[in-house]
């Protein structure tokens, strides 16, 4: 219910123990800085040690919101084949892009710009 305001949603499942996940964190930080007022970012950490992941986020000065899926309930309710996995959801809660693997800035930016009506 926190996300029923008509904004697209980017959901990323990650762990600081996953090197491809770590590789894409600067991408998400840049996207968050560009779109934080227009898009919801749900960076879902799947590692059970929340203090270790929080320390990782703090040490790199990432400012995107991090959620902890310690019991893996989110991962069980949404298909997450491996880490990292990212889904982009439109304003009507439809998955418009997503899947496993590292994403790039242009990949996500193009989808978000399309959803937001930007050219």
PDB file of N, CA and C in Angstrom:
ATOM      1  N   UNK A   1       0.820  -1.206   0.000  1.00  0.00           N
ATOM      2  CA  UNK A   1       0.000   0.000   0.000  1.00  0.00           C
ATOM      3  C   UNK A   1       0.865   1.271   0.000  1.00  0.00           C
ATOM      4  N   UNK A   2       2.122   1.148   0.430  1.00  0.00           N
ATOM      5  CA  UNK A   2       3.014   2.311   0.426  1.00  0.00           C
ATOM      6  C   UNK A   2       3.353   2.772  -0.989  1.00  0.00           C
ATOM      7  N   UNK A   3       3.083   1.940  -1.971  1.00  0.00           N
ATOM      8  CA  UNK A   3       3.523   2.230  -3.333  1.00  0.00           C
ATOM      9  C   UNK A   3       2.361   2.398  -4.306  1.00  0.00           C
ATOM     10  N   UNK A   4       1.195   2.762  -3.805  1.00  0.00           N
ATOM     11  CA  UNK A   4       0.018   2.959  -4.655  1.00  0.00           C
ATOM     12  C   UNK A   4      -0.149   4.427  -5.025  1.00  0.00           C
ATOM     13  N   UNK A   5       0.931   5.067  -5.400  1.00  0.00           N
ATOM     14  CA  UNK A   5       0.867   6.488  -5.727  1.00  0.00           C
ATOM     15  C   UNK A   5       1.126   6.765  -7.203  1.00  0.00           C
ATOM     16  N   UNK A   6       1.104   5.728  -8.031  1.00  0.00           N
ATOM     17  CA  UNK A   6       1.258   5.917  -9.466  1.00  0.00           C
ATOM     18  C   UNK A   6       2.686   5.989  -9.970  1.00  0.00           C
ATOM     19  N   UNK A   7       3.656   5.743  -9.092  1.00  0.00           N
ATOM     20  CA  UNK A   7       5.055   5.767  -9.520  1.00  0.00           C
ATOM     21  C   UNK A   7       5.505   4.366  -9.919  1.00  0.00           C
ATOM     22  N   UNK A   8       6.350   4.268 -10.944  1.00  0.00           N
ATOM     23  CA  UNK A   8       6.952   2.969 -11.262  1.00  0.00           C
ATOM     24  C   UNK A   8       7.809   2.485 -10.091  1.00  0.00           C
ATOM     25  N   UNK A   9       8.089   1.191 -10.089  1.00  0.00           N
ATOM     26  CA  UNK A   9       8.861   0.587  -9.013  1.00  0.00           C
ATOM     27  C   UNK A   9      10.011  -0.221  -9.609  1.00  0.00           C
ATOM     28  N   UNK A  10      11.184  -0.047  -9.057  1.00  0.00           N
ATOM     29  CA  UNK A  10      12.340  -0.873  -9.398  1.00  0.00           C
ATOM     30  C   UNK A  10      12.626  -1.740  -8.177  1.00  0.00           C
ATOM     31  N   UNK A  11      12.574  -3.058  -8.373  1.00  0.00           N
ATOM     32  CA  UNK A  11      12.871  -3.997  -7.295  1.00  0.00           C
ATOM     33  C   UNK A  11      14.144  -4.734  -7.664  1.00  0.00           C
ATOM     34  N   UNK A  12      15.120  -4.693  -6.776  1.00  0.00           N
ATOM     35  CA  UNK A  12      16.379  -5.395  -7.011  1.00  0.00           C
ATOM     36  C   UNK A  12      16.677  -6.297  -5.816  1.00  0.00           C
ATOM     37  N   UNK A  13      16.866  -7.582  -6.090  1.00  0.00           N
ATOM     38  CA  UNK A  13      17.268  -8.543  -5.070  1.00  0.00           C
ATOM     39  C   UNK A  13      18.775  -8.697  -5.152  1.00  0.00           C
ATOM     40  N   UNK A  14      19.445  -8.526  -4.024  1.00  0.00           N
ATOM     41  CA  UNK A  14      20.905  -8.497  -4.021  1.00  0.00           C
ATOM     42  C   UNK A  14      21.446  -8.971  -2.677  1.00  0.00           C
ATOM     43  N   UNK A  15      22.746  -9.143  -2.661  1.00  0.00           N
ATOM     44  CA  UNK A  15      23.483  -9.426  -1.432  1.00  0.00           C
ATOM     45  C   UNK A  15      24.883  -8.838  -1.576  1.00  0.00           C
ATOM     46  N   UNK A  16      25.428  -8.348  -0.495  1.00  0.00           N
ATOM     47  CA  UNK A  16      26.790  -7.806  -0.554  1.00  0.00           C
ATOM     48  C   UNK A  16      27.815  -8.924  -0.745  1.00  0.00           C
ATOM     49  N   UNK A  17      27.401 -10.178  -0.612  1.00  0.00           N
ATOM     50  CA  UNK A  17      28.280 -11.338  -0.835  1.00  0.00           C
ATOM     51  C   UNK A  17      28.280 -11.767  -2.303  1.00  0.00           C
ATOM     52  N   UNK A  18      27.494 -11.124  -3.120  1.00  0.00           N
ATOM     53  CA  UNK A  18      27.338 -11.463  -4.542  1.00  0.00           C
ATOM     54  C   UNK A  18      28.108 -10.434  -5.367  1.00  0.00           C
ATOM     55  N   UNK A  19      29.205 -10.851  -6.006  1.00  0.00           N
ATOM     56  CA  UNK A  19      30.024  -9.869  -6.742  1.00  0.00           C
ATOM     57  C   UNK A  19      29.289  -9.214  -7.910  1.00  0.00           C
ATOM     58  N   UNK A  20      28.442  -9.916  -8.679  1.00  0.00           N
ATOM     59  CA  UNK A  20      27.680  -9.187  -9.702  1.00  0.00           C
ATOM     60  C   UNK A  20      26.730  -8.151  -9.092  1.00  0.00           C
ATOM     61  N   UNK A  21      26.193  -8.452  -7.915  1.00  0.00           N
ATOM     62  CA  UNK A  21      25.321  -7.489  -7.222  1.00  0.00           C
ATOM     63  C   UNK A  21      26.110  -6.240  -6.847  1.00  0.00           C
ATOM     64  N   UNK A  22      27.280  -6.452  -6.290  1.00  0.00           N
ATOM     65  CA  UNK A  22      28.149  -5.344  -5.891  1.00  0.00           C
ATOM     66  C   UNK A  22      28.520  -4.512  -7.112  1.00  0.00           C
ATOM     67  N   UNK A  23      28.744  -5.181  -8.239  1.00  0.00           N
ATOM     68  CA  UNK A  23      29.102  -4.506  -9.485  1.00  0.00           C
ATOM     69  C   UNK A  23      28.016  -3.528  -9.935  1.00  0.00           C
ATOM     70  N   UNK A  24      26.753  -3.874  -9.717  1.00  0.00           N
ATOM     71  CA  UNK A  24      25.691  -3.004 -10.214  1.00  0.00           C
ATOM     72  C   UNK A  24      25.209  -1.959  -9.195  1.00  0.00           C
ATOM     73  N   UNK A  25      25.721  -1.976  -8.000  1.00  0.00           N
ATOM     74  CA  UNK A  25      25.296  -1.006  -6.986  1.00  0.00           C
ATOM     75  C   UNK A  25      25.522   0.455  -7.409  1.00  0.00           C
ATOM     76  N   UNK A  26      26.673   0.813  -8.022  1.00  0.00           N
ATOM     77  CA  UNK A  26      26.822   2.206  -8.470  1.00  0.00           C
ATOM     78  C   UNK A  26      25.769   2.594  -9.516  1.00  0.00           C
ATOM     79  N   UNK A  27      25.363   1.638 -10.340  1.00  0.00           N
ATOM     80  CA  UNK A  27      24.304   1.894 -11.316  1.00  0.00           C
ATOM     81  C   UNK A  27      23.019   2.279 -10.601  1.00  0.00           C
ATOM     82  N   UNK A  28      22.647   1.512  -9.589  1.00  0.00           N
ATOM     83  CA  UNK A  28      21.424   1.811  -8.866  1.00  0.00           C
ATOM     84  C   UNK A  28      21.524   3.112  -8.083  1.00  0.00           C
ATOM     85  N   UNK A  29      22.697   3.430  -7.572  1.00  0.00           N
ATOM     86  CA  UNK A  29      22.860   4.698  -6.872  1.00  0.00           C
ATOM     87  C   UNK A  29      22.628   5.858  -7.842  1.00  0.00           C
ATOM     88  N   UNK A  30      23.212   5.761  -9.026  1.00  0.00           N
ATOM     89  CA  UNK A  30      23.016   6.814 -10.030  1.00  0.00           C
ATOM     90  C   UNK A  30      21.567   6.944 -10.457  1.00  0.00           C
ATOM     91  N   UNK A  31      20.909   5.812 -10.668  1.00  0.00           N
ATOM     92  CA  UNK A  31      19.493   5.837 -11.039  1.00  0.00           C
ATOM     93  C   UNK A  31      18.641   6.417  -9.913  1.00  0.00           C
ATOM     94  N   UNK A  32      18.968   6.040  -8.689  1.00  0.00           N
ATOM     95  CA  UNK A  32      18.230   6.564  -7.548  1.00  0.00           C
ATOM     96  C   UNK A  32      18.386   8.084  -7.470  1.00  0.00           C
ATOM     97  N   UNK A  33      19.586   8.573  -7.656  1.00  0.00           N
ATOM     98  CA  UNK A  33      19.809  10.019  -7.605  1.00  0.00           C
ATOM     99  C   UNK A  33      19.035  10.738  -8.701  1.00  0.00           C
ATOM    100  N   UNK A  34      18.932  10.122  -9.867  1.00  0.00           N
ATOM    101  CA  UNK A  34      18.227  10.757 -10.986  1.00  0.00           C
ATOM    102  C   UNK A  34      16.707  10.669 -10.849  1.00  0.00           C
ATOM    103  N   UNK A  35      16.200   9.569 -10.327  1.00  0.00           N
ATOM    104  CA  UNK A  35      14.754   9.315 -10.360  1.00  0.00           C
ATOM    105  C   UNK A  35      14.078   9.210  -8.991  1.00  0.00           C
ATOM    106  N   UNK A  36      14.754   9.500  -7.914  1.00  0.00           N
ATOM    107  CA  UNK A  36      14.219   9.192  -6.587  1.00  0.00           C
ATOM    108  C   UNK A  36      12.869   9.837  -6.291  1.00  0.00           C
ATOM    109  N   UNK A  37      12.553  10.958  -6.911  1.00  0.00           N
ATOM    110  CA  UNK A  37      11.261  11.596  -6.676  1.00  0.00           C
ATOM    111  C   UNK A  37      10.162  11.065  -7.595  1.00  0.00           C
ATOM    112  N   UNK A  38      10.548  10.291  -8.612  1.00  0.00           N
ATOM    113  CA  UNK A  38       9.585   9.823  -9.610  1.00  0.00           C
ATOM    114  C   UNK A  38       9.374   8.315  -9.602  1.00  0.00           C
ATOM    115  N   UNK A  39      10.278   7.591  -8.953  1.00  0.00           N
ATOM    116  CA  UNK A  39      10.279   6.127  -8.993  1.00  0.00           C
ATOM    117  C   UNK A  39      10.552   5.601  -7.590  1.00  0.00           C
ATOM    118  N   UNK A  40       9.889   4.502  -7.231  1.00  0.00           N
ATOM    119  CA  UNK A  40      10.211   3.822  -5.973  1.00  0.00           C
ATOM    120  C   UNK A  40      11.320   2.813  -6.235  1.00  0.00           C
ATOM    121  N   UNK A  41      12.329   2.805  -5.391  1.00  0.00           N
ATOM    122  CA  UNK A  41      13.405   1.832  -5.470  1.00  0.00           C
ATOM    123  C   UNK A  41      13.321   0.928  -4.252  1.00  0.00           C
ATOM    124  N   UNK A  42      13.230  -0.359  -4.489  1.00  0.00           N
ATOM    125  CA  UNK A  42      13.219  -1.351  -3.416  1.00  0.00           C
ATOM    126  C   UNK A  42      14.442  -2.226  -3.596  1.00  0.00           C
ATOM    127  N   UNK A  43      15.482  -1.895  -2.897  1.00  0.00           N
ATOM    128  CA  UNK A  43      16.716  -2.658  -2.945  1.00  0.00           C
ATOM    129  C   UNK A  43      16.621  -3.695  -1.838  1.00  0.00           C
ATOM    130  N   UNK A  44      16.324  -4.922  -2.208  1.00  0.00           N
ATOM    131  CA  UNK A  44      16.019  -5.954  -1.230  1.00  0.00           C
ATOM    132  C   UNK A  44      17.234  -6.847  -0.998  1.00  0.00           C
ATOM    133  N   UNK A  45      17.815  -6.679   0.163  1.00  0.00           N
ATOM    134  CA  UNK A  45      18.964  -7.481   0.566  1.00  0.00           C
ATOM    135  C   UNK A  45      18.476  -8.860   1.015  1.00  0.00           C
ATOM    136  N   UNK A  46      19.075  -9.907   0.470  1.00  0.00           N
ATOM    137  CA  UNK A  46      18.648 -11.268   0.817  1.00  0.00           C
ATOM    138  C   UNK A  46      19.615 -11.965   1.762  1.00  0.00           C
ATOM    139  N   UNK A  47      20.626 -11.262   2.222  1.00  0.00           N
ATOM    140  CA  UNK A  47      21.594 -11.852   3.152  1.00  0.00           C
ATOM    141  C   UNK A  47      21.065 -11.703   4.568  1.00  0.00           C
ATOM    142  N   UNK A  48      21.167 -12.742   5.351  1.00  0.00           N
ATOM    143  CA  UNK A  48      20.538 -12.730   6.677  1.00  0.00           C
ATOM    144  C   UNK A  48      21.213 -11.807   7.687  1.00  0.00           C
ATOM    145  N   UNK A  49      22.472 -11.485   7.489  1.00  0.00           N
ATOM    146  CA  UNK A  49      23.179 -10.600   8.421  1.00  0.00           C
ATOM    147  C   UNK A  49      22.932  -9.145   8.007  1.00  0.00           C
ATOM    148  N   UNK A  50      21.909  -8.550   8.587  1.00  0.00           N
ATOM    149  CA  UNK A  50      21.538  -7.197   8.182  1.00  0.00           C
ATOM    150  C   UNK A  50      22.604  -6.167   8.524  1.00  0.00           C
ATOM    151  N   UNK A  51      23.317  -6.356   9.619  1.00  0.00           N
ATOM    152  CA  UNK A  51      24.347  -5.372   9.972  1.00  0.00           C
ATOM    153  C   UNK A  51      25.492  -5.390   8.961  1.00  0.00           C
ATOM    154  N   UNK A  52      25.840  -6.551   8.432  1.00  0.00           N
ATOM    155  CA  UNK A  52      26.901  -6.625   7.422  1.00  0.00           C
ATOM    156  C   UNK A  52      26.478  -5.913   6.145  1.00  0.00           C
ATOM    157  N   UNK A  53      25.245  -6.110   5.718  1.00  0.00           N
ATOM    158  CA  UNK A  53      24.795  -5.428   4.497  1.00  0.00           C
ATOM    159  C   UNK A  53      24.645  -3.930   4.735  1.00  0.00           C
ATOM    160  N   UNK A  54      24.166  -3.545   5.922  1.00  0.00           N
ATOM    161  CA  UNK A  54      24.072  -2.115   6.239  1.00  0.00           C
ATOM    162  C   UNK A  54      25.455  -1.470   6.265  1.00  0.00           C
ATOM    163  N   UNK A  55      26.433  -2.164   6.807  1.00  0.00           N
ATOM    164  CA  UNK A  55      27.811  -1.651   6.812  1.00  0.00           C
ATOM    165  C   UNK A  55      28.336  -1.491   5.393  1.00  0.00           C
ATOM    166  N   UNK A  56      28.017  -2.448   4.526  1.00  0.00           N
ATOM    167  CA  UNK A  56      28.421  -2.360   3.123  1.00  0.00           C
ATOM    168  C   UNK A  56      27.817  -1.104   2.482  1.00  0.00           C
ATOM    169  N   UNK A  57      26.516  -0.913   2.647  1.00  0.00           N
ATOM    170  CA  UNK A  57      25.818   0.236   2.069  1.00  0.00           C
ATOM    171  C   UNK A  57      26.399   1.540   2.614  1.00  0.00           C
ATOM    172  N   UNK A  58      26.615   1.596   3.906  1.00  0.00           N
ATOM    173  CA  UNK A  58      27.174   2.800   4.524  1.00  0.00           C
ATOM    174  C   UNK A  58      28.599   3.088   4.052  1.00  0.00           C
ATOM    175  N   UNK A  59      29.400   2.046   3.910  1.00  0.00           N
ATOM    176  CA  UNK A  59      30.802   2.255   3.532  1.00  0.00           C
ATOM    177  C   UNK A  59      30.946   2.829   2.122  1.00  0.00           C
ATOM    178  N   UNK A  60      29.968   2.556   1.252  1.00  0.00           N
ATOM    179  CA  UNK A  60      30.005   3.098  -0.106  1.00  0.00           C
ATOM    180  C   UNK A  60      29.119   4.336  -0.258  1.00  0.00           C
ATOM    181  N   UNK A  61      28.516   4.759   0.832  1.00  0.00           N
ATOM    182  CA  UNK A  61      27.670   5.961   0.850  1.00  0.00           C
ATOM    183  C   UNK A  61      26.475   5.855  -0.099  1.00  0.00           C
ATOM    184  N   UNK A  62      25.923   4.656  -0.217  1.00  0.00           N
ATOM    185  CA  UNK A  62      24.716   4.488  -1.021  1.00  0.00           C
ATOM    186  C   UNK A  62      23.539   5.041  -0.238  1.00  0.00           C
ATOM    187  N   UNK A  63      22.659   5.740  -0.935  1.00  0.00           N
ATOM    188  CA  UNK A  63      21.540   6.393  -0.263  1.00  0.00           C
ATOM    189  C   UNK A  63      20.182   5.820  -0.655  1.00  0.00           C
ATOM    190  N   UNK A  64      20.167   4.856  -1.565  1.00  0.00           N
ATOM    191  CA  UNK A  64      18.885   4.245  -1.939  1.00  0.00           C
ATOM    192  C   UNK A  64      18.339   3.452  -0.751  1.00  0.00           C
ATOM    193  N   UNK A  65      17.019   3.282  -0.699  1.00  0.00           N
ATOM    194  CA  UNK A  65      16.431   2.551   0.432  1.00  0.00           C
ATOM    195  C   UNK A  65      16.726   1.059   0.342  1.00  0.00           C
ATOM    196  N   UNK A  66      17.141   0.488   1.454  1.00  0.00           N
ATOM    197  CA  UNK A  66      17.447  -0.943   1.519  1.00  0.00           C
ATOM    198  C   UNK A  66      16.433  -1.619   2.438  1.00  0.00           C
ATOM    199  N   UNK A  67      15.861  -2.694   1.932  1.00  0.00           N
ATOM    200  CA  UNK A  67      14.937  -3.514   2.698  1.00  0.00           C
ATOM    201  C   UNK A  67      15.612  -4.865   2.928  1.00  0.00           C
ATOM    202  N   UNK A  68      15.306  -5.486   4.046  1.00  0.00           N
ATOM    203  CA  UNK A  68      15.932  -6.766   4.384  1.00  0.00           C
ATOM    204  C   UNK A  68      14.897  -7.891   4.301  1.00  0.00           C
ATOM    205  N   UNK A  69      15.228  -8.887   3.534  1.00  0.00           N
ATOM    206  CA  UNK A  69      14.360 -10.057   3.356  1.00  0.00           C
ATOM    207  C   UNK A  69      14.974 -11.234   4.113  1.00  0.00           C
ATOM    208  N   UNK A  70      15.069 -11.095   5.433  1.00  0.00           N
ATOM    209  CA  UNK A  70      15.800 -12.094   6.229  1.00  0.00           C
ATOM    210  C   UNK A  70      15.155 -13.469   6.180  1.00  0.00           C
ATOM    211  N   UNK A  71      13.850 -13.528   6.130  1.00  0.00           N
ATOM    212  CA  UNK A  71      13.159 -14.822   6.069  1.00  0.00           C
ATOM    213  C   UNK A  71      12.870 -15.264   4.638  1.00  0.00           C
ATOM    214  N   UNK A  72      13.344 -14.465   3.700  1.00  0.00           N
ATOM    215  CA  UNK A  72      13.174 -14.736   2.260  1.00  0.00           C
ATOM    216  C   UNK A  72      11.719 -14.829   1.828  1.00  0.00           C
ATOM    217  N   UNK A  73      10.846 -14.131   2.515  1.00  0.00           N
ATOM    218  CA  UNK A  73       9.433 -14.118   2.147  1.00  0.00           C
ATOM    219  C   UNK A  73       9.221 -13.406   0.814  1.00  0.00           C
ATOM    220  N   UNK A  74       9.896 -12.279   0.620  1.00  0.00           N
ATOM    221  CA  UNK A  74       9.766 -11.555  -0.650  1.00  0.00           C
ATOM    222  C   UNK A  74      10.323 -12.395  -1.789  1.00  0.00           C
ATOM    223  N   UNK A  75      11.448 -13.023  -1.543  1.00  0.00           N
ATOM    224  CA  UNK A  75      12.080 -13.848  -2.573  1.00  0.00           C
ATOM    225  C   UNK A  75      11.207 -15.039  -2.938  1.00  0.00           C
ATOM    226  N   UNK A  76      10.466 -15.563  -1.968  1.00  0.00           N
ATOM    227  CA  UNK A  76       9.563 -16.683  -2.236  1.00  0.00           C
ATOM    228  C   UNK A  76       8.309 -16.241  -2.979  1.00  0.00           C
ATOM    229  N   UNK A  77       7.842 -15.010  -2.716  1.00  0.00           N
ATOM    230  CA  UNK A  77       6.602 -14.551  -3.338  1.00  0.00           C
ATOM    231  C   UNK A  77       6.806 -14.020  -4.756  1.00  0.00           C
ATOM    232  N   UNK A  78       8.030 -13.629  -5.074  1.00  0.00           N
ATOM    233  CA  UNK A  78       8.381 -13.149  -6.408  1.00  0.00           C
ATOM    234  C   UNK A  78       9.458 -14.085  -6.938  1.00  0.00           C
ATOM    235  N   UNK A  79       9.361 -14.464  -8.194  1.00  0.00           N
ATOM    236  CA  UNK A  79      10.349 -15.383  -8.766  1.00  0.00           C
ATOM    237  C   UNK A  79      11.719 -14.711  -8.813  1.00  0.00           C
ATOM    238  N   UNK A  80      12.645 -15.252  -8.023  1.00  0.00           N
ATOM    239  CA  UNK A  80      14.024 -14.762  -7.981  1.00  0.00           C
ATOM    240  C   UNK A  80      14.931 -15.955  -8.237  1.00  0.00           C
ATOM    241  N   UNK A  81      15.305 -16.175  -9.508  1.00  0.00           N
ATOM    242  CA  UNK A  81      16.082 -17.367  -9.856  1.00  0.00           C
ATOM    243  C   UNK A  81      17.507 -17.355  -9.317  1.00  0.00           C
ATOM    244  N   UNK A  82      18.090 -16.182  -9.228  1.00  0.00           N
ATOM    245  CA  UNK A  82      19.459 -16.032  -8.722  1.00  0.00           C
ATOM    246  C   UNK A  82      19.691 -14.553  -8.457  1.00  0.00           C
ATOM    247  N   UNK A  83      20.843 -14.265  -7.885  1.00  0.00           N
ATOM    248  CA  UNK A  83      21.195 -12.870  -7.606  1.00  0.00           C
ATOM    249  C   UNK A  83      22.234 -12.388  -8.592  1.00  0.00           C
ATOM    250  N   UNK A  84      22.156 -11.160  -9.017  1.00  0.00           N
ATOM    251  CA  UNK A  84      21.079 -10.216  -8.790  1.00  0.00           C
ATOM    252  C   UNK A  84      19.882 -10.502  -9.706  1.00  0.00           C
ATOM    253  N   UNK A  85      18.719 -10.107  -9.260  1.00  0.00           N
ATOM    254  CA  UNK A  85      17.494 -10.148 -10.061  1.00  0.00           C
ATOM    255  C   UNK A  85      16.810  -8.805  -9.895  1.00  0.00           C
ATOM    256  N   UNK A  86      16.373  -8.235 -11.013  1.00  0.00           N
ATOM    257  CA  UNK A  86      15.732  -6.920 -11.002  1.00  0.00           C
ATOM    258  C   UNK A  86      14.425  -6.980 -11.774  1.00  0.00           C
ATOM    259  N   UNK A  87      13.405  -6.340 -11.228  1.00  0.00           N
ATOM    260  CA  UNK A  87      12.120  -6.196 -11.913  1.00  0.00           C
ATOM    261  C   UNK A  87      11.741  -4.725 -11.939  1.00  0.00           C
ATOM    262  N   UNK A  88      11.192  -4.299 -13.068  1.00  0.00           N
ATOM    263  CA  UNK A  88      10.664  -2.942 -13.189  1.00  0.00           C
ATOM    264  C   UNK A  88       9.161  -3.078 -13.372  1.00  0.00           C
ATOM    265  N   UNK A  89       8.433  -2.395 -12.513  1.00  0.00           N
ATOM    266  CA  UNK A  89       6.986  -2.515 -12.460  1.00  0.00           C
ATOM    267  C   UNK A  89       6.370  -1.164 -12.809  1.00  0.00           C
ATOM    268  N   UNK A  90       5.353  -1.191 -13.658  1.00  0.00           N
ATOM    269  CA  UNK A  90       4.735   0.066 -14.079  1.00  0.00           C
ATOM    270  C   UNK A  90       3.743   0.573 -13.034  1.00  0.00           C
ATOM    271  N   UNK A  91       3.103   1.678 -13.368  1.00  0.00           N
ATOM    272  CA  UNK A  91       2.189   2.343 -12.448  1.00  0.00           C
ATOM    273  C   UNK A  91       0.952   1.496 -12.127  1.00  0.00           C
ATOM    274  N   UNK A  92       0.684   0.480 -12.952  1.00  0.00           N
ATOM    275  CA  UNK A  92      -0.463  -0.413 -12.738  1.00  0.00           C
ATOM    276  C   UNK A  92      -0.044  -1.750 -12.139  1.00  0.00           C
ATOM    277  N   UNK A  93       1.164  -1.823 -11.640  1.00  0.00           N
ATOM    278  CA  UNK A  93       1.722  -3.011 -10.985  1.00  0.00           C
ATOM    279  C   UNK A  93       1.947  -4.180 -11.944  1.00  0.00           C
ATOM    280  N   UNK A  94       2.211  -3.870 -13.212  1.00  0.00           N
ATOM    281  CA  UNK A  94       2.582  -4.894 -14.183  1.00  0.00           C
ATOM    282  C   UNK A  94       4.094  -4.927 -14.315  1.00  0.00           C
ATOM    283  N   UNK A  95       4.667  -6.133 -14.352  1.00  0.00           N
ATOM    284  CA  UNK A  95       6.101  -6.257 -14.589  1.00  0.00           C
ATOM    285  C   UNK A  95       6.338  -5.976 -16.067  1.00  0.00           C
ATOM    286  N   UNK A  96       7.107  -4.939 -16.361  1.00  0.00           N
ATOM    287  CA  UNK A  96       7.377  -4.580 -17.754  1.00  0.00           C
ATOM    288  C   UNK A  96       8.754  -5.048 -18.217  1.00  0.00           C
ATOM    289  N   UNK A  97       9.677  -5.227 -17.303  1.00  0.00           N
ATOM    290  CA  UNK A  97      11.003  -5.767 -17.611  1.00  0.00           C
ATOM    291  C   UNK A  97      11.511  -6.462 -16.359  1.00  0.00           C
ATOM    292  N   UNK A  98      12.375  -7.421 -16.581  1.00  0.00           N
ATOM    293  CA  UNK A  98      12.979  -8.023 -15.417  1.00  0.00           C
ATOM    294  C   UNK A  98      13.612  -9.355 -15.690  1.00  0.00           C
ATOM    295  N   UNK A  99      14.375  -9.767 -14.725  1.00  0.00           N
ATOM    296  CA  UNK A  99      15.031 -11.052 -14.793  1.00  0.00           C
ATOM    297  C   UNK A  99      16.350 -11.032 -14.056  1.00  0.00           C
ATOM    298  N   UNK A 100      17.036 -12.141 -14.186  1.00  0.00           N
ATOM    299  CA  UNK A 100      18.297 -12.289 -13.472  1.00  0.00           C
ATOM    300  C   UNK A 100      19.438 -11.664 -14.255  1.00  0.00           C
ATOM    301  N   UNK A 101      20.499 -11.333 -13.537  1.00  0.00           N
ATOM    302  CA  UNK A 101      21.688 -10.791 -14.166  1.00  0.00           C
ATOM    303  C   UNK A 101      21.892  -9.313 -13.872  1.00  0.00           C
ATOM    304  N   UNK A 102      23.075  -8.860 -14.201  1.00  0.00           N
ATOM    305  CA  UNK A 102      23.468  -7.467 -13.962  1.00  0.00           C
ATOM    306  C   UNK A 102      22.767  -6.558 -14.966  1.00  0.00           C
ATOM    307  N   UNK A 103      22.242  -5.441 -14.469  1.00  0.00           N
ATOM    308  CA  UNK A 103      21.635  -4.447 -15.344  1.00  0.00           C
ATOM    309  C   UNK A 103      22.606  -3.288 -15.541  1.00  0.00           C
ATOM    310  N   UNK A 104      22.375  -2.527 -16.598  1.00  0.00           N
ATOM    311  CA  UNK A 104      23.189  -1.343 -16.854  1.00  0.00           C
ATOM    312  C   UNK A 104      22.316  -0.098 -16.712  1.00  0.00           C
ATOM    313  N   UNK A 105      22.973   1.005 -16.536  1.00  0.00           N
ATOM    314  CA  UNK A 105      22.276   2.280 -16.405  1.00  0.00           C
ATOM    315  C   UNK A 105      21.359   2.539 -17.600  1.00  0.00           C
ATOM    316  N   UNK A 106      21.874   2.439 -18.847  1.00  0.00           N
ATOM    317  CA  UNK A 106      21.006   2.712 -19.997  1.00  0.00           C
ATOM    318  C   UNK A 106      19.808   1.756 -20.093  1.00  0.00           C
ATOM    319  N   UNK A 107      19.987   0.490 -19.718  1.00  0.00           N
ATOM    320  CA  UNK A 107      18.874  -0.468 -19.776  1.00  0.00           C
ATOM    321  C   UNK A 107      17.717   0.000 -18.905  1.00  0.00           C
ATOM    322  N   UNK A 108      18.022   0.355 -17.681  1.00  0.00           N
ATOM    323  CA  UNK A 108      16.973   0.753 -16.740  1.00  0.00           C
ATOM    324  C   UNK A 108      16.453   2.148 -17.074  1.00  0.00           C
ATOM    325  N   UNK A 109      17.336   3.061 -17.416  1.00  0.00           N
ATOM    326  CA  UNK A 109      16.943   4.435 -17.748  1.00  0.00           C
ATOM    327  C   UNK A 109      15.958   4.452 -18.902  1.00  0.00           C
ATOM    328  N   UNK A 110      16.210   3.668 -19.943  1.00  0.00           N
ATOM    329  CA  UNK A 110      15.310   3.630 -21.098  1.00  0.00           C
ATOM    330  C   UNK A 110      13.903   3.200 -20.696  1.00  0.00           C
ATOM    331  N   UNK A 111      13.811   2.188 -19.856  1.00  0.00           N
ATOM    332  CA  UNK A 111      12.494   1.713 -19.418  1.00  0.00           C
ATOM    333  C   UNK A 111      11.808   2.756 -18.537  1.00  0.00           C
ATOM    334  N   UNK A 112      12.547   3.321 -17.600  1.00  0.00           N
ATOM    335  CA  UNK A 112      11.955   4.327 -16.717  1.00  0.00           C
ATOM    336  C   UNK A 112      11.506   5.564 -17.495  1.00  0.00           C
ATOM    337  N   UNK A 113      12.319   6.019 -18.433  1.00  0.00           N
ATOM    338  CA  UNK A 113      11.941   7.166 -19.246  1.00  0.00           C
ATOM    339  C   UNK A 113      10.673   6.874 -20.041  1.00  0.00           C
ATOM    340  N   UNK A 114      10.562   5.674 -20.562  1.00  0.00           N
ATOM    341  CA  UNK A 114       9.357   5.275 -21.302  1.00  0.00           C
ATOM    342  C   UNK A 114       8.138   5.285 -20.367  1.00  0.00           C
ATOM    343  N   UNK A 115       8.271   4.717 -19.188  1.00  0.00           N
ATOM    344  CA  UNK A 115       7.165   4.684 -18.234  1.00  0.00           C
ATOM    345  C   UNK A 115       6.764   6.070 -17.761  1.00  0.00           C
ATOM    346  N   UNK A 116       7.729   6.964 -17.674  1.00  0.00           N
ATOM    347  CA  UNK A 116       7.466   8.323 -17.201  1.00  0.00           C
ATOM    348  C   UNK A 116       7.107   9.275 -18.328  1.00  0.00           C
ATOM    349  N   UNK A 117       7.049   8.762 -19.561  1.00  0.00           N
ATOM    350  CA  UNK A 117       6.669   9.591 -20.703  1.00  0.00           C
ATOM    351  C   UNK A 117       7.743  10.557 -21.137  1.00  0.00           C
ATOM    352  N   UNK A 118       9.005  10.224 -20.865  1.00  0.00           N
ATOM    353  CA  UNK A 118      10.124  11.074 -21.284  1.00  0.00           C
ATOM    354  C   UNK A 118      10.688  10.528 -22.579  1.00  0.00           C
ATOM    355  N   UNK A 119      11.213  11.389 -23.386  1.00  0.00           N
ATOM    356  CA  UNK A 119      11.842  10.952 -24.645  1.00  0.00           C
ATOM    357  C   UNK A 119      13.325  11.117 -24.565  1.00  0.00           C
TER     358      UNK A 119
END
